[in-house]
Amino acid sequence: MKTIVLLLIVPFLGLTQINKLDEKNGFKNFLFGTSPAEYKNLILEIDDGNTKLYSLDQSPIRLDDIDFEYLRLTFYKNKLSSISLQTKNANGTKFFQNLKENYGEPVKINKLKENYEWKSTKYQVLYENNEISGDATTSFYTKTGPKK
């Protein structure tokens, strides 16, 4: 009986994660599909034609009481397509808890490392914790690509 109940509940937990990920449409005020002109304090790091990489020119970078080493935004055809951040000051675990609160429970994708994934049909979030430094690198991706 317990097995049947678990089998019925598990798909709904996955749907909750998908819905949260789709509802957020990015990270904080950085929303997929937006243009770089919608953000302040961006520095162009790489210009490769249709693809441009910007870094947030803000010091310190502090969001939800968590310190970040960097926050980088990739735009494809002038639309935000990926977000990459790295924590600093051993804030990786704290950020992981924040991600779980905002996006639901992730799937552990590497049994030997602290690597996790949140995934929906539109978006993917990858989290990797460095156990030595206590910091984490997290990347947010849109899987559908920008609308034409």
Protein backbone atom coordinates (compact mmCIF):
# COMPACT_ATOMS: atom_id res chain seq x y z
CA MET A 1 0.00 0.00 0.00
CA LYS A 2 2.84 2.41 0.87
CA THR A 3 4.45 1.70 -2.50
CA ILE A 4 1.25 2.58 -4.35
CA VAL A 5 0.89 5.85 -2.45
CA LEU A 6 4.52 6.78 -3.19
CA LEU A 7 4.10 5.93 -6.86
CA LEU A 8 1.10 8.24 -7.00
CA ILE A 9 2.81 11.11 -5.16
CA VAL A 10 6.23 11.11 -6.90
CA PRO A 11 4.93 12.35 -10.31
CA PHE A 12 3.19 15.27 -8.60
CA LEU A 13 6.43 16.28 -6.86
CA GLY A 14 8.14 16.40 -10.24
CA LEU A 15 5.33 18.56 -11.65
CA THR A 16 5.75 20.98 -8.77
CA GLN A 17 9.44 21.35 -9.61
CA ILE A 18 8.64 21.90 -13.30
CA ASN A 19 5.99 24.49 -12.50
CA LYS A 20 8.28 26.42 -10.13
CA LEU A 21 11.08 26.44 -12.69
CA ASP A 22 8.78 27.59 -15.49
CA GLU A 23 7.14 30.25 -13.29
CA LYS A 24 10.50 31.79 -12.36
CA ASN A 25 11.62 32.07 -16.02
CA GLY A 26 15.19 32.80 -14.88
CA PHE A 27 16.90 33.95 -11.69
CA LYS A 28 15.81 36.95 -9.62
CA ASN A 29 15.16 39.85 -12.01
CA PHE A 30 17.20 38.21 -14.81
CA LEU A 31 14.49 36.77 -17.06
CA PHE A 32 15.03 34.62 -20.14
CA GLY A 33 14.19 36.35 -23.40
CA THR A 34 14.98 39.86 -22.15
CA SER A 35 17.59 42.12 -23.78
CA PRO A 36 20.79 43.49 -22.20
CA ALA A 37 19.31 47.01 -22.37
CA GLU A 38 16.89 46.01 -19.59
CA TYR A 39 19.73 45.67 -17.06
CA LYS A 40 22.07 48.14 -15.43
CA ASN A 41 25.74 47.65 -14.56
CA LEU A 42 26.59 45.14 -17.29
CA ILE A 43 30.06 44.94 -18.81
CA LEU A 44 30.46 43.31 -22.22
CA GLU A 45 33.11 40.58 -21.86
CA ILE A 46 32.78 38.70 -25.16
CA ASP A 47 31.13 39.75 -28.42
CA ASP A 48 30.89 36.84 -30.84
CA GLY A 49 28.31 38.16 -33.29
CA ASN A 50 24.93 36.80 -32.23
CA THR A 51 26.28 35.67 -28.85
CA LYS A 52 27.37 38.16 -26.20
CA LEU A 53 28.60 37.51 -22.67
CA TYR A 54 28.15 40.19 -20.02
CA SER A 55 29.29 40.34 -16.39
CA LEU A 56 27.48 42.19 -13.66
CA ASP A 57 29.65 45.19 -12.73
CA GLN A 58 28.68 45.41 -9.11
CA SER A 59 30.81 44.98 -6.04
CA PRO A 60 29.98 43.28 -3.88
CA ILE A 61 27.44 41.03 -5.58
CA ARG A 62 25.08 40.09 -2.77
CA LEU A 63 21.66 38.51 -3.27
CA ASP A 64 19.50 37.14 -0.44
CA ASP A 65 22.41 37.55 2.01
CA ILE A 66 24.63 35.38 -0.19
CA ASP A 67 27.93 36.65 -1.62
CA PHE A 68 28.79 35.90 -5.24
CA GLU A 69 32.15 35.97 -6.99
CA TYR A 70 30.49 36.67 -10.33
CA LEU A 71 27.19 36.77 -12.18
CA ARG A 72 27.42 36.37 -15.97
CA LEU A 73 24.67 36.65 -18.55
CA THR A 74 24.78 35.21 -22.06
CA PHE A 75 22.55 36.73 -24.72
CA TYR A 76 21.85 35.05 -28.04
CA LYS A 77 20.36 37.32 -30.71
CA ASN A 78 19.88 39.96 -28.01
CA LYS A 79 17.80 37.63 -25.77
CA LEU A 80 18.96 36.29 -22.40
CA SER A 81 19.71 32.58 -22.85
CA SER A 82 21.89 31.62 -19.86
CA ILE A 83 22.84 32.84 -16.40
CA SER A 84 25.95 31.71 -14.55
CA LEU A 85 26.95 32.51 -10.97
CA GLN A 86 29.56 31.45 -8.48
CA THR A 87 29.26 31.93 -4.75
CA LYS A 88 32.11 33.11 -2.56
CA ASN A 89 32.92 33.07 1.16
CA ALA A 90 31.81 29.42 1.45
CA ASN A 91 28.17 30.25 0.65
CA GLY A 92 27.53 27.25 -1.64
CA THR A 93 25.35 25.32 0.80
CA LYS A 94 23.35 28.41 1.73
CA PHE A 95 22.69 29.10 -1.95
CA PHE A 96 21.67 25.47 -2.50
CA GLN A 97 19.03 25.83 0.23
CA ASN A 98 17.82 29.04 -1.44
CA LEU A 99 17.54 27.25 -4.78
CA LYS A 100 15.53 24.41 -3.22
CA GLU A 101 13.15 26.90 -1.60
CA ASN A 102 12.61 28.66 -4.92
CA TYR A 103 12.69 25.80 -7.43
CA GLY A 104 11.82 22.67 -5.43
CA GLU A 105 13.83 19.51 -4.84
CA PRO A 106 16.52 18.81 -7.46
CA VAL A 107 17.77 15.52 -8.84
CA LYS A 108 21.29 14.50 -7.82
CA ILE A 109 23.11 13.87 -11.10
CA ASN A 110 26.46 12.64 -9.77
CA LYS A 111 26.65 10.17 -6.89
CA LEU A 112 30.25 11.10 -6.07
CA LYS A 113 29.90 14.89 -6.16
CA GLU A 114 27.44 17.51 -4.96
CA ASN A 115 25.96 18.05 -8.43
CA TYR A 116 22.24 18.65 -8.82
CA GLU A 117 19.80 19.48 -11.58
CA TRP A 118 16.40 21.10 -11.84
CA LYS A 119 14.80 20.55 -15.23
CA SER A 120 11.57 21.36 -17.04
CA THR A 121 10.62 21.27 -20.70
CA LYS A 122 11.77 24.92 -21.03
CA TYR A 123 14.60 25.39 -18.51
CA GLN A 124 17.50 23.67 -16.81
CA VAL A 125 19.45 24.64 -13.69
CA LEU A 126 22.75 22.93 -12.85
CA TYR A 127 24.35 23.27 -9.42
CA GLU A 128 27.86 22.06 -8.56
CA ASN A 129 29.28 22.46 -5.07
CA ASN A 130 33.04 22.53 -4.50
CA GLU A 131 33.44 20.63 -1.23
CA ILE A 132 36.93 22.05 -0.63
CA SER A 133 36.10 25.76 -0.95
CA GLY A 134 32.46 25.49 0.12
CA ASP A 135 31.44 27.52 -2.92
CA ALA A 136 29.19 26.56 -5.79
CA THR A 137 28.81 27.26 -9.48
CA THR A 138 25.26 27.40 -10.78
CA SER A 139 24.04 27.79 -14.35
CA PHE A 140 20.54 28.51 -15.60
CA TYR A 141 19.69 27.68 -19.22
CA THR A 142 16.72 28.15 -21.47
CA LYS A 143 16.19 25.04 -23.57
CA THR A 144 13.68 26.48 -26.00
CA GLY A 145 15.86 29.28 -27.34
CA PRO A 146 14.70 32.83 -27.84
CA LYS A 147 11.45 33.45 -29.69
CA LYS A 148 11.84 34.87 -33.18
